[in-house]
């Protein structure tokens, strides 16, 4: 599966495309901030709004350590580091994402607050109880074995810490049209229900704290184009197929087949 995911997500030149778009818009390279990349590096429903919701729900004190599974090019990791005052370690299966995440983080002077590694959410390359909290944003749709995923999240999170999952989950019947943002084909797409996540979490010893279904936010995100489109966007991250992926996801959201849901657990 990893090879297929790498071919779906991975592409060379991510940072070059982002910087070229910013340069074309007249952005001074010396004035870059983490927000400069927000249109491309917050690859989840709601974009920045989604990141803010995650940050608000994350119960963690300043100075603590978070692991962000499936970190992409690091947008949520950088956002959490600077808004929550924590250190964030990002893990992603796609080497091109990890390389871009590290480069963008260095460009905005945050390398002391965020670090990135190639790794899998089903085999996390860290010891037990290494982190005070774990986040996973729009990743589970690529993972068939939710039980193993949850057990790994529980393993690396210290007792009493928070595990927060913000995923797209199945809420209705119907067939998805591909490509989707997370998979080019149905063979490697594992859209599951909230109940599947909760059962896997319970088996891993995680206690459910809260559930938030953000279906209405998703409809606004997909059906209301921004008044001022960002200089960089998801096309710079995912390439020319992104509009098709976006349209297919919009169709499924509007049809009530899937919805973004945030589950928080205590380890």
C-alpha atoms as a PDB file:
ATOM      1  CA  UNK A   1       0.000   0.000   0.000  1.00  0.00           C
ATOM      2  CA  UNK A   2       2.819   2.426   0.771  1.00  0.00           C
ATOM      3  CA  UNK A   3       3.986   2.523  -2.834  1.00  0.00           C
ATOM      4  CA  UNK A   4       0.488   3.391  -3.996  1.00  0.00           C
ATOM      5  CA  UNK A   5       0.107   6.101  -1.367  1.00  0.00           C
ATOM      6  CA  UNK A   6       3.491   7.536  -2.281  1.00  0.00           C
ATOM      7  CA  UNK A   7       2.476   7.695  -5.935  1.00  0.00           C
ATOM      8  CA  UNK A   8      -0.801   9.398  -4.996  1.00  0.00           C
ATOM      9  CA  UNK A   9       0.693  11.994  -2.659  1.00  0.00           C
ATOM     10  CA  UNK A  10       4.325  12.236  -3.668  1.00  0.00           C
ATOM     11  CA  UNK A  11       5.610  14.632  -6.288  1.00  0.00           C
ATOM     12  CA  UNK A  12       8.911  16.418  -6.663  1.00  0.00           C
ATOM     13  CA  UNK A  13       9.236  20.172  -6.473  1.00  0.00           C
ATOM     14  CA  UNK A  14       6.527  20.986  -3.921  1.00  0.00           C
ATOM     15  CA  UNK A  15       8.518  23.768  -2.280  1.00  0.00           C
ATOM     16  CA  UNK A  16       9.616  25.170  -5.640  1.00  0.00           C
ATOM     17  CA  UNK A  17       5.988  25.367  -6.811  1.00  0.00           C
ATOM     18  CA  UNK A  18       4.891  27.111  -3.629  1.00  0.00           C
ATOM     19  CA  UNK A  19       7.747  29.612  -3.678  1.00  0.00           C
ATOM     20  CA  UNK A  20       7.238  30.300  -7.383  1.00  0.00           C
ATOM     21  CA  UNK A  21       3.566  31.103  -6.786  1.00  0.00           C
ATOM     22  CA  UNK A  22       4.450  33.431  -3.921  1.00  0.00           C
ATOM     23  CA  UNK A  23       7.141  35.131  -6.001  1.00  0.00           C
ATOM     24  CA  UNK A  24       4.730  35.605  -8.898  1.00  0.00           C
ATOM     25  CA  UNK A  25       2.304  37.271  -6.486  1.00  0.00           C
ATOM     26  CA  UNK A  26       5.034  39.660  -5.398  1.00  0.00           C
ATOM     27  CA  UNK A  27       5.639  38.157  -1.958  1.00  0.00           C
ATOM     28  CA  UNK A  28       9.034  39.095  -0.555  1.00  0.00           C
ATOM     29  CA  UNK A  29      10.924  35.898   0.300  1.00  0.00           C
ATOM     30  CA  UNK A  30      12.349  37.567   3.414  1.00  0.00           C
ATOM     31  CA  UNK A  31       8.864  38.225   4.788  1.00  0.00           C
ATOM     32  CA  UNK A  32       7.507  34.666   4.653  1.00  0.00           C
ATOM     33  CA  UNK A  33       5.502  33.479   7.651  1.00  0.00           C
ATOM     34  CA  UNK A  34       3.771  30.149   8.368  1.00  0.00           C
ATOM     35  CA  UNK A  35       0.538  31.729   7.135  1.00  0.00           C
ATOM     36  CA  UNK A  36       2.119  32.277   3.704  1.00  0.00           C
ATOM     37  CA  UNK A  37       1.631  28.566   2.948  1.00  0.00           C
ATOM     38  CA  UNK A  38      -1.786  28.078   4.541  1.00  0.00           C
ATOM     39  CA  UNK A  39      -3.663  27.545   1.280  1.00  0.00           C
ATOM     40  CA  UNK A  40      -1.525  24.512   0.466  1.00  0.00           C
ATOM     41  CA  UNK A  41      -0.266  23.097   3.737  1.00  0.00           C
ATOM     42  CA  UNK A  42      -3.550  22.662   5.636  1.00  0.00           C
ATOM     43  CA  UNK A  43      -4.756  19.742   3.524  1.00  0.00           C
ATOM     44  CA  UNK A  44      -8.005  18.986   5.310  1.00  0.00           C
ATOM     45  CA  UNK A  45     -11.643  20.048   5.230  1.00  0.00           C
ATOM     46  CA  UNK A  46     -12.029  23.566   6.554  1.00  0.00           C
ATOM     47  CA  UNK A  47      -8.394  24.505   5.962  1.00  0.00           C
ATOM     48  CA  UNK A  48      -7.360  27.041   8.613  1.00  0.00           C
ATOM     49  CA  UNK A  49     -10.774  26.840  10.281  1.00  0.00           C
ATOM     50  CA  UNK A  50     -10.273  23.111  10.707  1.00  0.00           C
ATOM     51  CA  UNK A  51      -6.842  23.678  12.241  1.00  0.00           C
ATOM     52  CA  UNK A  52      -8.300  26.192  14.688  1.00  0.00           C
ATOM     53  CA  UNK A  53     -10.994  23.729  15.777  1.00  0.00           C
ATOM     54  CA  UNK A  54      -8.366  21.048  16.368  1.00  0.00           C
ATOM     55  CA  UNK A  55      -6.229  23.470  18.405  1.00  0.00           C
ATOM     56  CA  UNK A  56      -9.219  24.529  20.521  1.00  0.00           C
ATOM     57  CA  UNK A  57     -10.099  20.909  21.322  1.00  0.00           C
ATOM     58  CA  UNK A  58      -6.552  19.840  22.101  1.00  0.00           C
ATOM     59  CA  UNK A  59      -6.123  19.676  25.870  1.00  0.00           C
ATOM     60  CA  UNK A  60      -2.409  20.296  26.369  1.00  0.00           C
ATOM     61  CA  UNK A  61      -0.170  22.640  28.341  1.00  0.00           C
ATOM     62  CA  UNK A  62       2.601  24.834  26.945  1.00  0.00           C
ATOM     63  CA  UNK A  63       5.989  23.177  26.662  1.00  0.00           C
ATOM     64  CA  UNK A  64       4.564  19.708  26.081  1.00  0.00           C
ATOM     65  CA  UNK A  65       5.239  17.372  23.138  1.00  0.00           C
ATOM     66  CA  UNK A  66       2.782  16.401  20.396  1.00  0.00           C
ATOM     67  CA  UNK A  67       3.100  13.855  17.612  1.00  0.00           C
ATOM     68  CA  UNK A  68       1.139  14.611  14.421  1.00  0.00           C
ATOM     69  CA  UNK A  69       0.561  11.465  12.361  1.00  0.00           C
ATOM     70  CA  UNK A  70       0.251  11.951   8.613  1.00  0.00           C
ATOM     71  CA  UNK A  71       1.609  15.479   8.904  1.00  0.00           C
ATOM     72  CA  UNK A  72       1.751  16.248   5.171  1.00  0.00           C
ATOM     73  CA  UNK A  73       3.922  19.288   4.520  1.00  0.00           C
ATOM     74  CA  UNK A  74       3.560  20.439   8.102  1.00  0.00           C
ATOM     75  CA  UNK A  75       0.814  23.062   8.174  1.00  0.00           C
ATOM     76  CA  UNK A  76      -1.093  21.772  11.225  1.00  0.00           C
ATOM     77  CA  UNK A  77       2.173  20.945  13.030  1.00  0.00           C
ATOM     78  CA  UNK A  78       3.456  24.499  12.598  1.00  0.00           C
ATOM     79  CA  UNK A  79       0.059  25.929  13.556  1.00  0.00           C
ATOM     80  CA  UNK A  80      -0.177  23.870  16.740  1.00  0.00           C
ATOM     81  CA  UNK A  81       3.424  24.650  17.692  1.00  0.00           C
ATOM     82  CA  UNK A  82       2.910  28.392  17.562  1.00  0.00           C
ATOM     83  CA  UNK A  83      -0.655  28.598  18.899  1.00  0.00           C
ATOM     84  CA  UNK A  84      -0.336  26.068  21.720  1.00  0.00           C
ATOM     85  CA  UNK A  85       3.301  26.720  22.647  1.00  0.00           C
ATOM     86  CA  UNK A  86       4.293  23.070  22.237  1.00  0.00           C
ATOM     87  CA  UNK A  87       6.894  21.068  20.344  1.00  0.00           C
ATOM     88  CA  UNK A  88       5.445  19.036  17.477  1.00  0.00           C
ATOM     89  CA  UNK A  89       6.941  15.994  15.786  1.00  0.00           C
ATOM     90  CA  UNK A  90       5.415  15.223  12.402  1.00  0.00           C
ATOM     91  CA  UNK A  91       5.361  11.752  10.827  1.00  0.00           C
ATOM     92  CA  UNK A  92       4.381  11.028   7.233  1.00  0.00           C
ATOM     93  CA  UNK A  93       4.696   8.061   4.888  1.00  0.00           C
ATOM     94  CA  UNK A  94       5.499  10.264   1.879  1.00  0.00           C
ATOM     95  CA  UNK A  95       9.189  11.295   1.728  1.00  0.00           C
ATOM     96  CA  UNK A  96       8.429  14.273  -0.536  1.00  0.00           C
ATOM     97  CA  UNK A  97       6.008  15.639   2.061  1.00  0.00           C
ATOM     98  CA  UNK A  98       8.520  15.247   4.872  1.00  0.00           C
ATOM     99  CA  UNK A  99      11.247  16.930   2.826  1.00  0.00           C
ATOM    100  CA  UNK A 100       8.935  19.838   1.960  1.00  0.00           C
ATOM    101  CA  UNK A 101       7.705  20.129   5.562  1.00  0.00           C
ATOM    102  CA  UNK A 102      11.251  20.463   6.867  1.00  0.00           C
ATOM    103  CA  UNK A 103      12.216  22.996   4.191  1.00  0.00           C
ATOM    104  CA  UNK A 104       9.160  25.212   4.740  1.00  0.00           C
ATOM    105  CA  UNK A 105       9.641  25.051   8.505  1.00  0.00           C
ATOM    106  CA  UNK A 106      13.249  26.182   8.132  1.00  0.00           C
ATOM    107  CA  UNK A 107      12.185  29.041   5.838  1.00  0.00           C
ATOM    108  CA  UNK A 108       9.972  30.485   8.579  1.00  0.00           C
ATOM    109  CA  UNK A 109      12.449  29.884  11.412  1.00  0.00           C
ATOM    110  CA  UNK A 110      10.512  27.182  13.275  1.00  0.00           C
ATOM    111  CA  UNK A 111      12.925  24.239  13.083  1.00  0.00           C
ATOM    112  CA  UNK A 112      13.484  24.398  16.839  1.00  0.00           C
ATOM    113  CA  UNK A 113       9.758  23.945  17.458  1.00  0.00           C
ATOM    114  CA  UNK A 114       8.819  21.336  14.834  1.00  0.00           C
ATOM    115  CA  UNK A 115      10.618  18.300  13.406  1.00  0.00           C
ATOM    116  CA  UNK A 116       9.614  15.775  10.763  1.00  0.00           C
ATOM    117  CA  UNK A 117      10.311  12.116  10.029  1.00  0.00           C
ATOM    118  CA  UNK A 118       9.296   9.513   7.464  1.00  0.00           C
ATOM    119  CA  UNK A 119       7.153   6.907   9.171  1.00  0.00           C
ATOM    120  CA  UNK A 120       3.838   5.080   9.295  1.00  0.00           C
ATOM    121  CA  UNK A 121       0.887   5.558  11.642  1.00  0.00           C
ATOM    122  CA  UNK A 122       0.706   1.766  11.973  1.00  0.00           C
ATOM    123  CA  UNK A 123       4.375   1.465  12.992  1.00  0.00           C
ATOM    124  CA  UNK A 124       5.319   4.708  14.738  1.00  0.00           C
ATOM    125  CA  UNK A 125       9.113   4.990  15.117  1.00  0.00           C
ATOM    126  CA  UNK A 126       9.057   6.169  18.740  1.00  0.00           C
ATOM    127  CA  UNK A 127       9.060   4.544  22.175  1.00  0.00           C
ATOM    128  CA  UNK A 128       6.032   4.030  24.387  1.00  0.00           C
ATOM    129  CA  UNK A 129       4.714   7.129  26.215  1.00  0.00           C
ATOM    130  CA  UNK A 130       6.937   9.482  24.173  1.00  0.00           C
ATOM    131  CA  UNK A 131       4.328  12.226  23.705  1.00  0.00           C
ATOM    132  CA  UNK A 132       1.831  14.185  25.774  1.00  0.00           C
ATOM    133  CA  UNK A 133      -0.727  14.166  22.955  1.00  0.00           C
ATOM    134  CA  UNK A 134      -1.245  12.731  19.476  1.00  0.00           C
ATOM    135  CA  UNK A 135      -3.118  14.225  16.547  1.00  0.00           C
ATOM    136  CA  UNK A 136      -4.127  12.640  13.261  1.00  0.00           C
ATOM    137  CA  UNK A 137      -5.803  14.825  10.645  1.00  0.00           C
ATOM    138  CA  UNK A 138      -7.389  13.241   7.551  1.00  0.00           C
ATOM    139  CA  UNK A 139      -5.228  10.126   7.615  1.00  0.00           C
ATOM    140  CA  UNK A 140      -7.408   7.176   8.621  1.00  0.00           C
ATOM    141  CA  UNK A 141      -9.024   6.991   5.184  1.00  0.00           C
ATOM    142  CA  UNK A 142      -5.690   5.553   3.997  1.00  0.00           C
ATOM    143  CA  UNK A 143      -5.443   2.934   6.751  1.00  0.00           C
ATOM    144  CA  UNK A 144      -7.302  -0.377   6.563  1.00  0.00           C
ATOM    145  CA  UNK A 145      -6.328  -1.647  10.014  1.00  0.00           C
ATOM    146  CA  UNK A 146      -7.957   0.858  12.353  1.00  0.00           C
ATOM    147  CA  UNK A 147      -7.242  -1.384  15.366  1.00  0.00           C
ATOM    148  CA  UNK A 148      -3.487  -1.308  14.725  1.00  0.00           C
ATOM    149  CA  UNK A 149      -3.645   2.431  14.040  1.00  0.00           C
ATOM    150  CA  UNK A 150      -5.381   3.086  17.352  1.00  0.00           C
ATOM    151  CA  UNK A 151      -3.082   0.812  19.312  1.00  0.00           C
ATOM    152  CA  UNK A 152      -0.050   2.699  17.970  1.00  0.00           C
ATOM    153  CA  UNK A 153      -1.587   6.070  18.830  1.00  0.00           C
ATOM    154  CA  UNK A 154      -2.307   4.809  22.337  1.00  0.00           C
ATOM    155  CA  UNK A 155       1.160   3.301  22.698  1.00  0.00           C
ATOM    156  CA  UNK A 156       3.128   6.494  22.046  1.00  0.00           C
ATOM    157  CA  UNK A 157       0.804   8.735  24.109  1.00  0.00           C
ATOM    158  CA  UNK A 158       1.445   8.954  27.833  1.00  0.00           C
ATOM    159  CA  UNK A 159      -1.335   7.902  30.233  1.00  0.00           C
ATOM    160  CA  UNK A 160      -3.780  10.769  30.664  1.00  0.00           C
ATOM    161  CA  UNK A 161      -2.732  12.370  27.388  1.00  0.00           C
ATOM    162  CA  UNK A 162      -5.073  13.324  24.545  1.00  0.00           C
ATOM    163  CA  UNK A 163      -5.484  11.477  21.248  1.00  0.00           C
ATOM    164  CA  UNK A 164      -7.360  13.601  18.707  1.00  0.00           C
ATOM    165  CA  UNK A 165      -8.499  12.287  15.336  1.00  0.00           C
ATOM    166  CA  UNK A 166      -9.999  14.542  12.678  1.00  0.00           C
ATOM    167  CA  UNK A 167     -10.969  12.271   9.807  1.00  0.00           C
ATOM    168  CA  UNK A 168     -13.471  12.008   7.002  1.00  0.00           C
ATOM    169  CA  UNK A 169     -15.883   9.228   7.977  1.00  0.00           C
ATOM    170  CA  UNK A 170     -18.744   7.444   6.297  1.00  0.00           C
ATOM    171  CA  UNK A 171     -22.125   8.672   7.543  1.00  0.00           C
ATOM    172  CA  UNK A 172     -24.416   7.404   4.768  1.00  0.00           C
ATOM    173  CA  UNK A 173     -24.765   4.876   2.000  1.00  0.00           C
ATOM    174  CA  UNK A 174     -23.620   5.560  -1.526  1.00  0.00           C
ATOM    175  CA  UNK A 175     -20.692   5.000  -3.846  1.00  0.00           C
ATOM    176  CA  UNK A 176     -17.723   7.345  -3.916  1.00  0.00           C
ATOM    177  CA  UNK A 177     -16.353   8.686  -7.183  1.00  0.00           C
ATOM    178  CA  UNK A 178     -12.572   8.622  -7.597  1.00  0.00           C
ATOM    179  CA  UNK A 179     -10.045  10.139  -7.501  1.00  0.00           C
ATOM    180  CA  UNK A 180     -10.589  11.411  -3.972  1.00  0.00           C
ATOM    181  CA  UNK A 181      -8.121  13.694  -2.168  1.00  0.00           C
ATOM    182  CA  UNK A 182      -6.808  10.705  -0.196  1.00  0.00           C
ATOM    183  CA  UNK A 183      -6.788   8.025  -2.900  1.00  0.00           C
ATOM    184  CA  UNK A 184      -6.791   7.788  -6.671  1.00  0.00           C
ATOM    185  CA  UNK A 185      -8.650   4.448  -6.669  1.00  0.00           C
ATOM    186  CA  UNK A 186     -11.133   2.659  -4.387  1.00  0.00           C
ATOM    187  CA  UNK A 187      -8.686  -0.212  -3.854  1.00  0.00           C
ATOM    188  CA  UNK A 188      -6.655   1.803  -1.362  1.00  0.00           C
ATOM    189  CA  UNK A 189      -9.438   3.883   0.182  1.00  0.00           C
ATOM    190  CA  UNK A 190     -10.647   2.855   3.643  1.00  0.00           C
ATOM    191  CA  UNK A 191     -13.467   5.235   4.532  1.00  0.00           C
ATOM    192  CA  UNK A 192     -14.982   3.874   7.761  1.00  0.00           C
ATOM    193  CA  UNK A 193     -17.746   4.837  10.153  1.00  0.00           C
ATOM    194  CA  UNK A 194     -17.357   6.584  13.489  1.00  0.00           C
ATOM    195  CA  UNK A 195     -18.341   3.318  15.188  1.00  0.00           C
ATOM    196  CA  UNK A 196     -15.364   1.499  13.648  1.00  0.00           C
ATOM    197  CA  UNK A 197     -13.009   4.149  15.029  1.00  0.00           C
ATOM    198  CA  UNK A 198     -14.605   4.018  18.467  1.00  0.00           C
ATOM    199  CA  UNK A 199     -14.458   0.221  18.643  1.00  0.00           C
ATOM    200  CA  UNK A 200     -10.790   0.232  17.646  1.00  0.00           C
ATOM    201  CA  UNK A 201     -10.038   2.950  20.195  1.00  0.00           C
ATOM    202  CA  UNK A 202     -11.787   1.062  22.991  1.00  0.00           C
ATOM    203  CA  UNK A 203      -9.797  -2.073  22.171  1.00  0.00           C
ATOM    204  CA  UNK A 204      -6.615   0.015  22.447  1.00  0.00           C
ATOM    205  CA  UNK A 205      -7.608   1.266  25.894  1.00  0.00           C
ATOM    206  CA  UNK A 206      -8.549   4.775  24.811  1.00  0.00           C
ATOM    207  CA  UNK A 207     -11.512   6.453  26.504  1.00  0.00           C
ATOM    208  CA  UNK A 208     -13.843   8.534  24.347  1.00  0.00           C
ATOM    209  CA  UNK A 209     -14.099  12.151  25.548  1.00  0.00           C
ATOM    210  CA  UNK A 210     -15.966  14.005  22.792  1.00  0.00           C
ATOM    211  CA  UNK A 211     -17.422  13.740  19.293  1.00  0.00           C
ATOM    212  CA  UNK A 212     -17.862  16.673  16.913  1.00  0.00           C
ATOM    213  CA  UNK A 213     -19.414  16.253  13.465  1.00  0.00           C
ATOM    214  CA  UNK A 214     -18.490  19.199  11.253  1.00  0.00           C
ATOM    215  CA  UNK A 215     -20.764  18.408   8.331  1.00  0.00           C
ATOM    216  CA  UNK A 216     -22.118  21.956   8.065  1.00  0.00           C
ATOM    217  CA  UNK A 217     -18.614  23.419   8.010  1.00  0.00           C
ATOM    218  CA  UNK A 218     -17.744  20.936   5.245  1.00  0.00           C
ATOM    219  CA  UNK A 219     -20.686  22.068   3.123  1.00  0.00           C
ATOM    220  CA  UNK A 220     -19.624  25.688   3.489  1.00  0.00           C
ATOM    221  CA  UNK A 221     -16.007  24.781   2.690  1.00  0.00           C
ATOM    222  CA  UNK A 222     -16.937  22.979  -0.529  1.00  0.00           C
ATOM    223  CA  UNK A 223     -19.838  25.147  -1.709  1.00  0.00           C
ATOM    224  CA  UNK A 224     -18.685  28.666  -0.830  1.00  0.00           C
ATOM    225  CA  UNK A 225     -15.512  29.697  -2.680  1.00  0.00           C
ATOM    226  CA  UNK A 226     -13.273  32.116  -0.761  1.00  0.00           C
ATOM    227  CA  UNK A 227     -13.747  35.785  -1.620  1.00  0.00           C
ATOM    228  CA  UNK A 228      -9.979  36.209  -1.758  1.00  0.00           C
ATOM    229  CA  UNK A 229      -8.407  32.938  -2.975  1.00  0.00           C
ATOM    230  CA  UNK A 230      -5.000  32.230  -1.398  1.00  0.00           C
ATOM    231  CA  UNK A 231      -1.832  32.758  -3.412  1.00  0.00           C
ATOM    232  CA  UNK A 232      -0.842  29.145  -2.905  1.00  0.00           C
ATOM    233  CA  UNK A 233      -3.443  26.392  -2.969  1.00  0.00           C
ATOM    234  CA  UNK A 234      -3.845  22.640  -2.896  1.00  0.00           C
ATOM    235  CA  UNK A 235      -3.048  22.447  -6.592  1.00  0.00           C
ATOM    236  CA  UNK A 236       0.526  23.444  -5.749  1.00  0.00           C
ATOM    237  CA  UNK A 237       0.612  20.486  -3.365  1.00  0.00           C
ATOM    238  CA  UNK A 238      -1.275  17.772  -5.262  1.00  0.00           C
ATOM    239  CA  UNK A 239      -0.971  18.851  -8.882  1.00  0.00           C
ATOM    240  CA  UNK A 240      -3.435  19.217 -11.735  1.00  0.00           C
ATOM    241  CA  UNK A 241      -5.852  16.504 -10.534  1.00  0.00           C
ATOM    242  CA  UNK A 242      -6.732  18.424  -7.382  1.00  0.00           C
ATOM    243  CA  UNK A 243      -9.824  20.146  -8.890  1.00  0.00           C
ATOM    244  CA  UNK A 244     -11.227  16.726  -9.818  1.00  0.00           C
ATOM    245  CA  UNK A 245     -10.530  15.361  -6.339  1.00  0.00           C
ATOM    246  CA  UNK A 246     -12.155  18.424  -4.792  1.00  0.00           C
ATOM    247  CA  UNK A 247     -15.256  18.052  -6.962  1.00  0.00           C
ATOM    248  CA  UNK A 248     -15.650  14.364  -6.105  1.00  0.00           C
ATOM    249  CA  UNK A 249     -15.274  15.069  -2.378  1.00  0.00           C
ATOM    250  CA  UNK A 250     -17.799  17.904  -2.660  1.00  0.00           C
ATOM    251  CA  UNK A 251     -20.277  15.538  -4.314  1.00  0.00           C
ATOM    252  CA  UNK A 252     -19.938  12.990  -1.491  1.00  0.00           C
ATOM    253  CA  UNK A 253     -20.269  15.648   1.219  1.00  0.00           C
ATOM    254  CA  UNK A 254     -23.368  17.153  -0.373  1.00  0.00           C
ATOM    255  CA  UNK A 255     -24.897  13.688  -0.848  1.00  0.00           C
ATOM    256  CA  UNK A 256     -24.464  12.886   2.845  1.00  0.00           C
ATOM    257  CA  UNK A 257     -22.146   9.947   2.184  1.00  0.00           C
ATOM    258  CA  UNK A 258     -19.284  11.261   4.304  1.00  0.00           C
ATOM    259  CA  UNK A 259     -18.559  13.972   6.842  1.00  0.00           C
ATOM    260  CA  UNK A 260     -15.546  15.299   8.759  1.00  0.00           C
ATOM    261  CA  UNK A 261     -15.694  14.162  12.378  1.00  0.00           C
ATOM    262  CA  UNK A 262     -13.369  14.918  15.300  1.00  0.00           C
ATOM    263  CA  UNK A 263     -13.010  12.281  18.002  1.00  0.00           C
ATOM    264  CA  UNK A 264     -11.023  13.024  21.156  1.00  0.00           C
ATOM    265  CA  UNK A 265      -9.853  10.319  23.520  1.00  0.00           C
ATOM    266  CA  UNK A 266      -7.929  10.091  26.784  1.00  0.00           C
ATOM    267  CA  UNK A 267      -5.062   7.619  26.821  1.00  0.00           C
END
